[in-house]
Amino acid sequence: MNLIVAVDKNWAIGKNNELLVRIPADQKFFRETTTGKVVVMGRKTLESFPNGLPLKNRTNIVLTHNQDYEVKGAIVVHSMEELHEELKKYNDEDIYVIGGEKIYEQMLDECEYAHVTKIDYAYDADAYFPNLDEREEWELIGDSEEQTYFDLEFYFYLYRRKK
């Protein structure tokens, strides 16, 4: 299983249920990486998308405790057990955890690869991703050249869980 996330220099990922910044190259990378795949998210992440609609050309799985929650075009599960049963239907390498904070925390230990866009800026934030550089079980196995978007510098990193 994989995860994909954009973080700032403090590993922040959001504020008020919004991304900290929208960088076209990062959005393109996300789209190209997850199209045709399975994306796992929480309800708030889904509701942060345009019109609160599932992502096109992907299998959208939404984890929420709200038993009455339904959304057209997505599979809704209500527990980790139900999520794991659903995920058995797909190839592990085709599954991408896409947030938010609680979902990342719950699923991190099950992921083998982490695609991290790291932005060299500190934002005011209220949601964070675990700092993989401080976790012994994760190693950086790939990075990009420095990228820029206006005056922002960012990098695409690939981490792998150590065997």
Protein backbone atom coordinates (compact mmCIF):
# COMPACT_ATOMS: atom_id res chain seq x y z
CA MET A 1 0.00 0.00 0.00
CA ASN A 2 1.12 3.57 -0.72
CA LEU A 3 0.39 6.98 0.60
CA ILE A 4 0.73 10.34 -1.06
CA VAL A 5 0.95 13.66 0.74
CA ALA A 6 2.20 17.24 0.42
CA VAL A 7 3.84 18.65 3.55
CA ASP A 8 5.52 21.87 4.55
CA LYS A 9 8.91 22.05 6.30
CA ASN A 10 7.18 21.21 9.63
CA TRP A 11 5.27 18.27 8.08
CA ALA A 12 2.04 20.28 8.17
CA ILE A 13 -0.63 19.23 5.67
CA GLY A 14 -3.63 21.50 6.14
CA LYS A 15 -5.58 24.19 7.86
CA ASN A 16 -9.36 24.45 8.27
CA ASN A 17 -9.87 21.33 6.10
CA GLU A 18 -7.99 22.90 3.17
CA LEU A 19 -4.61 22.19 1.62
CA LEU A 20 -1.92 24.65 2.67
CA VAL A 21 -1.10 25.52 -0.94
CA ARG A 22 -2.00 24.29 -4.41
CA ILE A 23 1.05 23.72 -6.59
CA PRO A 24 0.17 22.72 -10.17
CA ALA A 25 3.15 20.35 -10.54
CA ASP A 26 2.21 18.60 -7.28
CA GLN A 27 -1.43 18.34 -8.35
CA LYS A 28 -0.30 16.90 -11.70
CA PHE A 29 1.94 14.37 -9.91
CA PHE A 30 -0.98 13.39 -7.64
CA ARG A 31 -3.32 13.00 -10.61
CA GLU A 32 -0.84 10.95 -12.67
CA THR A 33 0.10 8.75 -9.71
CA THR A 34 -3.43 7.96 -8.53
CA THR A 35 -5.47 7.84 -11.76
CA GLY A 36 -6.80 4.34 -12.30
CA LYS A 37 -5.94 3.41 -8.72
CA VAL A 38 -7.75 3.09 -5.39
CA VAL A 39 -7.72 6.16 -3.13
CA VAL A 40 -8.52 5.89 0.59
CA MET A 41 -9.59 8.98 2.47
CA GLY A 42 -11.61 10.31 5.33
CA ARG A 43 -14.93 12.10 4.98
CA LYS A 44 -13.44 15.56 5.55
CA THR A 45 -10.90 15.00 2.78
CA LEU A 46 -13.65 14.04 0.36
CA GLU A 47 -15.69 17.08 1.38
CA SER A 48 -12.68 19.34 0.68
CA PHE A 49 -12.72 18.33 -3.03
CA PRO A 50 -14.51 20.52 -5.59
CA ASN A 51 -18.26 20.13 -4.93
CA GLY A 52 -17.41 17.39 -2.40
CA LEU A 53 -17.34 14.85 -5.24
CA PRO A 54 -15.15 11.73 -5.51
CA LEU A 55 -12.06 11.93 -7.72
CA LYS A 56 -12.64 10.91 -11.33
CA ASN A 57 -11.09 7.76 -12.80
CA ARG A 58 -10.27 6.26 -9.41
CA THR A 59 -11.94 3.92 -6.95
CA ASN A 60 -12.76 6.24 -4.04
CA ILE A 61 -13.07 4.65 -0.58
CA VAL A 62 -14.22 6.92 2.24
CA LEU A 63 -13.82 5.99 5.91
CA THR A 64 -16.31 7.66 8.26
CA HIS A 65 -17.94 6.77 11.56
CA ASN A 66 -21.19 8.34 10.34
CA GLN A 67 -23.40 5.32 9.55
CA ASP A 68 -25.78 7.44 7.44
CA TYR A 69 -23.07 8.95 5.24
CA GLU A 70 -23.47 8.21 1.55
CA VAL A 71 -21.82 9.71 -1.49
CA LYS A 72 -22.49 8.89 -5.11
CA GLY A 73 -19.47 7.40 -6.85
CA ALA A 74 -17.64 6.32 -3.70
CA ILE A 75 -17.50 3.27 -1.47
CA VAL A 76 -18.22 4.26 2.13
CA VAL A 77 -16.89 2.16 5.02
CA HIS A 78 -17.43 2.78 8.71
CA SER A 79 -14.59 0.99 10.50
CA MET A 80 -11.01 -0.13 10.00
CA GLU A 81 -12.27 -3.73 9.82
CA GLU A 82 -14.70 -2.82 7.04
CA LEU A 83 -11.95 -0.86 5.26
CA HIS A 84 -9.57 -3.83 5.39
CA GLU A 85 -12.27 -6.16 4.02
CA GLU A 86 -12.85 -3.75 1.11
CA LEU A 87 -9.12 -3.33 0.41
CA LYS A 88 -8.70 -7.11 0.01
CA LYS A 89 -10.42 -6.71 -3.38
CA TYR A 90 -7.53 -4.66 -4.80
CA ASN A 91 -3.82 -5.07 -5.48
CA ASP A 92 -1.83 -3.62 -2.62
CA GLU A 93 0.38 -1.58 -4.96
CA ASP A 94 -2.72 0.09 -6.47
CA ILE A 95 -3.93 1.52 -3.15
CA TYR A 96 -3.07 5.10 -2.17
CA VAL A 97 -3.94 6.64 1.18
CA ILE A 98 -4.64 10.34 0.50
CA GLY A 99 -5.60 11.78 3.89
CA GLY A 100 -6.40 13.50 6.03
CA GLU A 101 -4.45 13.57 9.25
CA LYS A 102 -6.39 10.84 11.13
CA ILE A 103 -6.47 8.50 8.12
CA TYR A 104 -2.72 8.92 7.58
CA GLU A 105 -2.10 8.14 11.27
CA GLN A 106 -4.31 5.04 11.14
CA MET A 107 -2.86 3.71 7.87
CA LEU A 108 0.81 4.73 8.01
CA ASP A 109 2.02 1.44 9.50
CA GLU A 110 0.32 -0.50 6.69
CA CYS A 111 1.96 1.46 3.87
CA GLU A 112 5.15 0.38 2.13
CA TYR A 113 5.79 3.56 0.11
CA ALA A 114 5.22 7.21 0.87
CA HIS A 115 5.21 9.79 -1.92
CA VAL A 116 5.93 13.07 -0.16
CA THR A 117 5.98 16.49 -1.79
CA LYS A 118 7.99 18.59 0.65
CA ILE A 119 7.52 22.35 0.42
CA ASP A 120 10.33 24.50 1.80
CA TYR A 121 8.07 26.87 3.70
CA ALA A 122 6.36 26.88 7.09
CA TYR A 123 2.62 27.50 6.96
CA ASP A 124 0.11 28.25 9.69
CA ALA A 125 -1.54 24.83 10.02
CA ASP A 126 -3.78 22.68 12.19
CA ALA A 127 -3.19 19.24 10.61
CA TYR A 128 0.10 17.38 10.39
CA PHE A 129 1.68 14.28 8.92
CA PRO A 130 4.16 12.18 10.94
CA ASN A 131 7.77 13.24 10.27
CA LEU A 132 9.19 10.26 8.37
CA ASP A 133 12.75 11.62 8.71
CA GLU A 134 12.48 10.97 12.46
CA ARG A 135 11.11 7.44 12.11
CA GLU A 136 13.66 4.64 12.00
CA GLU A 137 11.34 2.36 10.05
CA TRP A 138 11.28 4.72 7.03
CA GLU A 139 14.10 5.47 4.61
CA LEU A 140 14.36 8.03 1.83
CA ILE A 141 14.98 6.16 -1.42
CA GLY A 142 14.36 8.83 -4.04
CA ASP A 143 14.25 12.57 -4.49
CA SER A 144 13.79 15.06 -7.26
CA GLU A 145 15.76 18.11 -8.26
CA GLU A 146 14.55 21.30 -6.63
CA GLN A 147 11.26 22.43 -8.16
CA THR A 148 9.85 25.94 -7.96
CA TYR A 149 6.41 27.47 -8.11
CA PHE A 150 6.75 31.25 -8.05
CA ASP A 151 8.97 31.76 -4.97
CA LEU A 152 8.20 28.38 -3.37
CA GLU A 153 10.78 25.62 -3.53
CA PHE A 154 9.64 22.01 -3.26
CA TYR A 155 10.87 18.47 -3.80
CA PHE A 156 9.28 15.14 -4.62
CA TYR A 157 10.53 12.48 -2.17
CA LEU A 158 9.93 8.74 -2.11
CA TYR A 159 10.19 6.93 1.22
CA ARG A 160 10.07 3.18 1.77
CA ARG A 161 9.32 1.26 4.92
CA LYS A 162 12.38 -0.79 5.87
CA LYS A 163 11.86 -4.54 5.68
